[in-house]
Amino acid sequence: MAIEDLQPYQRIVQDVKDQVRLGRLQASDKLGSTRELAERYGVAPGTVQRALAELRKEGVVYSHQGRGSFIRESAADAVADPTSLAIKRLEEKVDELSERLERLEAGEGRRS
């Protein structure tokens, strides 16, 4: 689905997620106020509120009454595509297995 086919609130959601994915928004970064975001995206404040509710539901942002909305620590995982997550898990497993192999080889060297 092209971005033009999305509802205005969905475009905001997609944009924030893209910015997190690209590293432009990182953990604890504050998003603009509802008014600022409405002006930036050219939408009504209610549309921004709907987008923020969706981003909270997806675990990308958290909000504090009177302080604003912030990017979650786990946002990068929430927006990562399944292929990237699978690759990351495989890399972690390879690292773990490499460490185990090094320990085994070091133990055999002492027995010789």
C-alpha atoms as a PDB file:
ATOM      1  CA  MET A   1       0.000   0.000   0.000  1.00  0.00           C
ATOM      2  CA  ALA A   2       1.416   3.385  -1.022  1.00  0.00           C
ATOM      3  CA  ILE A   3       1.745   6.103   1.614  1.00  0.00           C
ATOM      4  CA  GLU A   4      -0.774   8.163  -0.356  1.00  0.00           C
ATOM      5  CA  ASP A   5      -3.365   5.431   0.289  1.00  0.00           C
ATOM      6  CA  LEU A   6      -2.990   5.734   4.061  1.00  0.00           C
ATOM      7  CA  GLN A   7      -5.261   7.714   6.338  1.00  0.00           C
ATOM      8  CA  PRO A   8      -3.648  10.912   7.706  1.00  0.00           C
ATOM      9  CA  TYR A   9      -3.096   9.397  11.169  1.00  0.00           C
ATOM     10  CA  GLN A  10      -1.512   6.318   9.559  1.00  0.00           C
ATOM     11  CA  ARG A  11       0.928   8.559   7.663  1.00  0.00           C
ATOM     12  CA  ILE A  12       2.049  10.086  10.963  1.00  0.00           C
ATOM     13  CA  VAL A  13       2.447   6.621  12.506  1.00  0.00           C
ATOM     14  CA  GLN A  14       4.456   5.432   9.508  1.00  0.00           C
ATOM     15  CA  ASP A  15       6.639   8.543   9.500  1.00  0.00           C
ATOM     16  CA  VAL A  16       7.509   8.234  13.204  1.00  0.00           C
ATOM     17  CA  LYS A  17       8.270   4.534  12.778  1.00  0.00           C
ATOM     18  CA  ASP A  18      10.449   5.267   9.745  1.00  0.00           C
ATOM     19  CA  GLN A  19      12.359   7.916  11.709  1.00  0.00           C
ATOM     20  CA  VAL A  20      12.984   5.405  14.511  1.00  0.00           C
ATOM     21  CA  ARG A  21      14.052   2.736  12.006  1.00  0.00           C
ATOM     22  CA  LEU A  22      16.505   5.191  10.399  1.00  0.00           C
ATOM     23  CA  GLY A  23      17.881   6.317  13.770  1.00  0.00           C
ATOM     24  CA  ARG A  24      16.637   9.897  13.461  1.00  0.00           C
ATOM     25  CA  LEU A  25      14.473   9.352  16.543  1.00  0.00           C
ATOM     26  CA  GLN A  26      15.992   7.415  19.413  1.00  0.00           C
ATOM     27  CA  ALA A  27      15.027   6.218  22.872  1.00  0.00           C
ATOM     28  CA  SER A  28      13.814   9.019  25.150  1.00  0.00           C
ATOM     29  CA  ASP A  29      13.570  11.566  22.313  1.00  0.00           C
ATOM     30  CA  LYS A  30      10.578  13.843  22.805  1.00  0.00           C
ATOM     31  CA  LEU A  31       8.090  14.238  20.005  1.00  0.00           C
ATOM     32  CA  GLY A  32       6.608  17.657  19.435  1.00  0.00           C
ATOM     33  CA  SER A  33       3.431  18.771  21.152  1.00  0.00           C
ATOM     34  CA  THR A  34       0.100  17.848  19.621  1.00  0.00           C
ATOM     35  CA  ARG A  35      -0.153  21.353  18.216  1.00  0.00           C
ATOM     36  CA  GLU A  36       3.367  21.239  16.755  1.00  0.00           C
ATOM     37  CA  LEU A  37       2.776  17.838  15.181  1.00  0.00           C
ATOM     38  CA  ALA A  38      -0.588  18.957  13.779  1.00  0.00           C
ATOM     39  CA  GLU A  39       1.107  21.926  12.114  1.00  0.00           C
ATOM     40  CA  ARG A  40       4.016  19.826  10.822  1.00  0.00           C
ATOM     41  CA  TYR A  41       1.727  17.241   9.231  1.00  0.00           C
ATOM     42  CA  GLY A  42      -1.042  19.656   8.241  1.00  0.00           C
ATOM     43  CA  VAL A  43      -3.745  17.786  10.177  1.00  0.00           C
ATOM     44  CA  ALA A  44      -6.151  18.419  13.028  1.00  0.00           C
ATOM     45  CA  PRO A  45      -4.985  17.832  16.634  1.00  0.00           C
ATOM     46  CA  GLY A  46      -7.436  14.921  16.888  1.00  0.00           C
ATOM     47  CA  THR A  47      -5.630  13.187  14.034  1.00  0.00           C
ATOM     48  CA  VAL A  48      -2.330  13.554  15.913  1.00  0.00           C
ATOM     49  CA  GLN A  49      -3.954  12.154  19.058  1.00  0.00           C
ATOM     50  CA  ARG A  50      -5.176   9.136  17.096  1.00  0.00           C
ATOM     51  CA  ALA A  51      -1.668   8.588  15.687  1.00  0.00           C
ATOM     52  CA  LEU A  52      -0.108   8.857  19.152  1.00  0.00           C
ATOM     53  CA  ALA A  53      -2.642   6.358  20.519  1.00  0.00           C
ATOM     54  CA  GLU A  54      -1.659   3.921  17.763  1.00  0.00           C
ATOM     55  CA  LEU A  55       2.056   4.458  18.430  1.00  0.00           C
ATOM     56  CA  ARG A  56       1.482   3.836  22.158  1.00  0.00           C
ATOM     57  CA  LYS A  57      -0.465   0.665  21.364  1.00  0.00           C
ATOM     58  CA  GLU A  58       2.386  -0.577  19.153  1.00  0.00           C
ATOM     59  CA  GLY A  59       4.964   0.146  21.865  1.00  0.00           C
ATOM     60  CA  VAL A  60       6.804   2.864  19.947  1.00  0.00           C
ATOM     61  CA  VAL A  61       6.059   5.805  22.248  1.00  0.00           C
ATOM     62  CA  TYR A  62       4.927   6.487  25.786  1.00  0.00           C
ATOM     63  CA  SER A  63       3.225   9.645  26.997  1.00  0.00           C
ATOM     64  CA  HIS A  64       3.227  11.645  30.221  1.00  0.00           C
ATOM     65  CA  GLN A  65       0.304  13.956  30.877  1.00  0.00           C
ATOM     66  CA  GLY A  66       1.529  17.523  30.551  1.00  0.00           C
ATOM     67  CA  ARG A  67       5.058  16.512  29.504  1.00  0.00           C
ATOM     68  CA  GLY A  68       4.549  15.009  26.067  1.00  0.00           C
ATOM     69  CA  SER A  69       5.248  11.837  24.150  1.00  0.00           C
ATOM     70  CA  PHE A  70       8.631  10.122  24.053  1.00  0.00           C
ATOM     71  CA  ILE A  71      10.250   7.319  22.083  1.00  0.00           C
ATOM     72  CA  ARG A  72      10.415   4.058  24.058  1.00  0.00           C
ATOM     73  CA  GLU A  73      13.669   2.209  24.735  1.00  0.00           C
ATOM     74  CA  SER A  74      12.242  -0.778  22.858  1.00  0.00           C
ATOM     75  CA  ALA A  75      10.965   1.276  19.904  1.00  0.00           C
ATOM     76  CA  ALA A  76      13.631   0.013  17.507  1.00  0.00           C
ATOM     77  CA  ASP A  77      12.486  -3.562  18.121  1.00  0.00           C
ATOM     78  CA  ALA A  78       8.845  -2.544  17.718  1.00  0.00           C
ATOM     79  CA  VAL A  79       9.456  -1.062  14.266  1.00  0.00           C
ATOM     80  CA  ALA A  80      11.986  -3.561  12.938  1.00  0.00           C
ATOM     81  CA  ASP A  81      10.853  -5.722  10.088  1.00  0.00           C
ATOM     82  CA  PRO A  82      10.696  -9.499  10.717  1.00  0.00           C
ATOM     83  CA  THR A  83      13.706 -10.194   8.492  1.00  0.00           C
ATOM     84  CA  SER A  84      15.902  -7.777  10.451  1.00  0.00           C
ATOM     85  CA  LEU A  85      14.790  -9.325  13.721  1.00  0.00           C
ATOM     86  CA  ALA A  86      15.563 -12.828  12.443  1.00  0.00           C
ATOM     87  CA  ILE A  87      19.018 -11.732  11.292  1.00  0.00           C
ATOM     88  CA  LYS A  88      19.688 -10.085  14.652  1.00  0.00           C
ATOM     89  CA  ARG A  89      18.697 -13.288  16.496  1.00  0.00           C
ATOM     90  CA  LEU A  90      20.941 -15.364  14.211  1.00  0.00           C
ATOM     91  CA  GLU A  91      23.877 -13.018  14.795  1.00  0.00           C
ATOM     92  CA  GLU A  92      23.388 -13.310  18.556  1.00  0.00           C
ATOM     93  CA  LYS A  93      23.270 -17.109  18.306  1.00  0.00           C
ATOM     94  CA  VAL A  94      26.451 -17.214  16.185  1.00  0.00           C
ATOM     95  CA  ASP A  95      28.217 -15.001  18.748  1.00  0.00           C
ATOM     96  CA  GLU A  96      27.063 -17.282  21.559  1.00  0.00           C
ATOM     97  CA  LEU A  97      28.210 -20.415  19.728  1.00  0.00           C
ATOM     98  CA  SER A  98      31.578 -18.822  18.866  1.00  0.00           C
ATOM     99  CA  GLU A  99      32.173 -18.034  22.543  1.00  0.00           C
ATOM    100  CA  ARG A 100      31.295 -21.611  23.534  1.00  0.00           C
ATOM    101  CA  LEU A 101      33.636 -23.002  20.877  1.00  0.00           C
ATOM    102  CA  GLU A 102      36.483 -20.776  22.094  1.00  0.00           C
ATOM    103  CA  ARG A 103      35.938 -21.977  25.673  1.00  0.00           C
ATOM    104  CA  LEU A 104      35.923 -25.620  24.536  1.00  0.00           C
ATOM    105  CA  GLU A 105      39.075 -25.194  22.465  1.00  0.00           C
ATOM    106  CA  ALA A 106      40.818 -23.409  25.345  1.00  0.00           C
ATOM    107  CA  GLY A 107      39.874 -26.300  27.663  1.00  0.00           C
ATOM    108  CA  GLU A 108      41.283 -28.909  25.272  1.00  0.00           C
ATOM    109  CA  GLY A 109      44.552 -26.990  25.015  1.00  0.00           C
ATOM    110  CA  ARG A 110      45.073 -27.288  28.776  1.00  0.00           C
ATOM    111  CA  ARG A 111      44.544 -31.050  28.747  1.00  0.00           C
ATOM    112  CA  SER A 112      47.182 -31.755  26.066  1.00  0.00           C
END
